[in-house]
Protein backbone atom coordinates (compact mmCIF):
# COMPACT_ATOMS: atom_id res chain seq x y z
CA MET A 1 -2.27 34.15 -36.31
CA LEU A 2 0.62 35.59 -34.22
CA LEU A 3 3.60 35.43 -34.76
CA GLY A 4 5.19 32.73 -33.09
CA ALA A 5 2.50 30.95 -32.17
CA ALA A 6 1.91 27.24 -32.86
CA PRO A 7 -1.02 25.97 -35.02
CA THR A 8 -4.17 24.15 -32.85
CA ARG A 9 -4.65 21.13 -33.60
CA LYS A 10 -7.50 18.93 -32.09
CA ALA A 11 -5.97 15.31 -29.97
CA GLU A 12 -7.93 12.84 -31.27
CA VAL A 13 -10.13 10.59 -28.37
CA TYR A 14 -10.98 6.80 -29.23
CA ARG A 15 -13.33 5.05 -27.44
CA PHE A 16 -12.68 1.11 -26.92
CA PRO A 17 -15.59 -1.30 -26.49
CA LEU A 18 -15.95 -2.55 -22.60
CA VAL A 19 -15.17 -5.70 -23.56
CA ALA A 20 -12.37 -5.21 -25.05
CA VAL A 21 -11.07 -2.57 -21.69
CA SER A 22 -12.15 -5.05 -19.42
CA ALA A 23 -10.39 -7.87 -20.99
CA ALA A 24 -7.33 -5.98 -21.53
CA ALA A 25 -7.34 -5.26 -17.59
CA PHE A 26 -8.28 -8.61 -16.75
CA LEU A 27 -5.45 -10.45 -18.64
CA ALA A 28 -2.63 -7.86 -16.84
CA LEU A 29 -4.04 -8.72 -13.64
CA ALA A 30 -4.06 -11.84 -14.56
CA LEU A 31 -0.50 -12.63 -16.01
CA GLN A 32 1.11 -9.95 -13.52
CA SER A 33 -0.10 -12.22 -10.60
CA TYR A 34 0.79 -15.33 -12.81
CA LEU A 35 3.85 -14.73 -14.32
CA PRO A 36 6.20 -13.96 -11.70
CA LEU A 37 5.69 -17.50 -9.92
CA HIS A 38 7.06 -18.87 -12.84
CA LEU A 39 9.35 -16.03 -14.43
CA PRO A 40 10.91 -14.22 -11.66
CA SER A 41 12.42 -11.91 -14.28
CA VAL A 42 9.38 -10.75 -15.28
CA ASN A 43 8.80 -9.07 -11.72
CA LEU A 44 9.93 -5.76 -13.40
CA LEU A 45 7.03 -5.50 -15.84
CA ASP A 46 4.05 -3.83 -14.31
CA LEU A 47 1.46 -4.78 -17.46
CA PRO A 48 -1.81 -3.07 -14.99
CA LEU A 49 0.02 0.05 -15.11
CA LEU A 50 0.55 0.04 -18.89
CA VAL A 51 -2.81 -0.86 -19.29
CA VAL A 52 -4.05 2.22 -17.36
CA ILE A 53 -1.83 4.62 -19.01
CA TYR A 54 -2.91 3.43 -22.29
CA ILE A 55 -6.54 3.89 -21.43
CA ALA A 56 -5.64 7.47 -20.02
CA LEU A 57 -3.37 8.43 -23.11
CA THR A 58 -5.86 7.64 -25.71
CA ARG A 59 -9.36 8.67 -23.92
CA ARG A 60 -8.05 11.90 -23.00
CA ASP A 61 -10.68 12.22 -20.18
CA PRO A 62 -9.20 12.45 -16.46
CA VAL A 63 -12.33 11.11 -14.87
CA ALA A 64 -12.52 8.02 -17.00
CA ALA A 65 -8.70 7.70 -16.58
CA LEU A 66 -8.62 8.42 -12.79
CA LEU A 67 -11.44 5.55 -12.64
CA ALA A 68 -9.77 3.31 -14.49
CA GLY A 69 -6.38 4.19 -12.47
CA ALA A 70 -8.13 3.49 -9.36
CA LEU A 71 -10.12 0.23 -10.10
CA ILE A 72 -7.04 -1.66 -11.89
CA GLY A 73 -5.09 -0.54 -8.77
CA MET A 74 -7.52 -1.46 -6.22
CA ALA A 75 -7.92 -4.98 -7.80
CA GLN A 76 -3.87 -5.41 -7.56
CA ASP A 77 -3.69 -4.37 -4.65
CA SER A 78 -6.14 -7.51 -3.49
CA LEU A 79 -3.92 -9.86 -5.50
CA THR A 80 -0.68 -8.92 -3.64
CA ARG A 81 0.73 -8.77 -0.24
CA GLY A 82 0.58 -5.04 0.25
CA PRO A 83 -1.92 -2.61 1.93
CA ILE A 84 -5.04 -2.45 0.22
CA GLY A 85 -5.02 0.94 -1.59
CA LEU A 86 -1.60 1.17 -1.94
CA LEU A 87 -1.35 0.74 -5.96
CA GLY A 88 -4.90 1.79 -6.10
CA ALA A 89 -3.84 5.25 -4.85
CA VAL A 90 -0.52 5.48 -7.06
CA LYS A 91 -2.33 4.36 -10.41
CA THR A 92 -5.01 6.72 -9.48
CA VAL A 93 -2.39 9.48 -9.78
CA ILE A 94 -0.83 8.32 -13.18
CA GLY A 95 -4.08 7.52 -14.62
CA TYR A 96 -5.25 11.37 -13.84
CA VAL A 97 -1.69 12.40 -14.88
CA THR A 98 -1.29 10.89 -18.62
CA SER A 99 -4.98 11.75 -18.89
CA SER A 100 -4.16 15.62 -18.44
CA ALA A 101 -0.93 15.34 -20.80
CA SER A 102 -2.03 13.51 -23.28
CA VAL A 103 -4.43 16.59 -24.18
CA HIS A 104 -0.79 18.42 -25.18
CA LEU A 105 0.58 15.39 -26.17
CA ASP A 106 0.96 13.48 -29.95
CA THR A 107 0.70 9.95 -28.25
CA GLU A 108 0.55 8.07 -31.67
CA SER A 109 4.18 8.36 -32.62
CA SER A 110 6.31 5.46 -30.79
CA GLY A 111 9.10 7.59 -29.79
CA ILE A 112 6.89 9.73 -27.77
CA ARG A 113 5.05 6.86 -26.26
CA LEU A 114 8.22 5.42 -25.47
CA ILE A 115 9.33 8.97 -23.74
CA THR A 116 6.12 9.36 -22.03
CA LEU A 117 6.18 6.13 -20.66
CA CYS A 118 9.61 6.35 -19.33
CA VAL A 119 8.36 9.40 -17.27
CA LEU A 120 5.56 7.60 -16.12
CA TYR A 121 7.24 4.44 -14.49
CA ALA A 122 9.47 6.52 -12.83
CA LEU A 123 6.61 8.81 -11.29
CA HIS A 124 4.72 5.67 -10.51
CA PHE A 125 7.87 4.05 -8.44
CA SER A 126 8.51 7.49 -7.16
CA LEU A 127 4.51 8.18 -5.76
CA PHE A 128 4.90 4.25 -4.90
CA TYR A 129 7.63 4.78 -2.83
CA LEU A 130 6.80 7.84 -0.89
CA LEU A 131 3.33 6.39 -0.17
CA GLY A 132 4.66 3.01 0.77
CA ALA A 133 7.60 3.34 2.68
CA VAL A 134 7.81 6.82 3.80
CA LEU A 135 3.89 7.17 5.24
CA LEU A 136 3.09 3.46 5.66
CA GLY A 137 6.78 2.31 6.15
CA GLN A 138 6.81 -0.38 4.39
CA LEU A 139 10.03 -2.14 3.29
CA ILE A 140 10.32 -0.80 -0.33
CA GLU A 141 13.83 -1.13 -1.47
CA TRP A 142 15.16 1.90 -3.69
CA ASP A 143 17.71 0.28 -6.53
CA SER A 144 18.41 2.80 -8.88
CA ARG A 145 19.85 -0.09 -11.34
CA ALA A 146 16.81 -2.11 -11.35
CA ARG A 147 14.53 0.61 -11.55
CA PHE A 148 16.34 1.45 -14.30
CA ILE A 149 16.02 -1.48 -15.97
CA GLY A 150 12.18 -1.85 -15.01
CA MET A 151 11.65 1.65 -16.82
CA LEU A 152 13.04 0.29 -19.93
CA VAL A 153 11.66 -2.99 -19.78
CA ASN A 154 8.16 -1.32 -18.86
CA ALA A 155 8.62 1.41 -21.79
CA LEU A 156 9.81 -1.01 -24.48
CA ALA A 157 6.63 -3.80 -23.28
CA GLY A 158 4.24 -0.67 -23.64
CA VAL A 159 5.40 -0.05 -26.51
CA LEU A 160 4.49 -2.88 -28.15
CA LEU A 161 1.23 -3.50 -26.00
CA PHE A 162 -0.25 -0.10 -27.27
CA LYS A 163 0.52 -1.40 -30.99
CA VAL A 164 -1.62 -4.31 -29.90
CA LEU A 165 -4.17 -1.97 -28.25
CA ASP A 166 -4.14 0.00 -30.86
CA ARG A 167 -6.57 -2.23 -33.02
CA PHE A 168 -9.03 -2.35 -30.92
CA ARG A 169 -9.60 1.15 -30.53
CA ARG A 170 -12.16 3.73 -32.45
CA PRO A 171 -12.90 7.16 -33.02
CA ALA A 172 -14.91 8.54 -30.58
């Protein structure tokens, strides 16, 4: 081994039953559509984003993460009043970037998951703003304080959600 070279450790890849992935995605989309109607403060939480990130972090397969992001994003687009494809495109990029980066990260640690979720939420909103406001001319408000709070809420909720979803995974 070379001096100063870090030992390589193979990242674990997990699989999920199709029923569990479908149920998690459906439940995230349903709650994302239903909860803000009765609890406006839940608007900061992006459950479909958290599901896409979890799938990408654990599968470590860019194609599967890309497809999951596209499908979940397009389904979320169909439930909103925004342009069809906006969230689909953003979540596709997030799935791909997350999966590509997960090969180099130990995503079992809650601290690493928290930091990863913060960075990915910031990237998600930046892409959403860039595509929506700049390219499509949509009225999207860039409120730094609300985005920071949203980042923290999503990161903390994501760490808790990931603990629950970890129960359904199995080694590949």
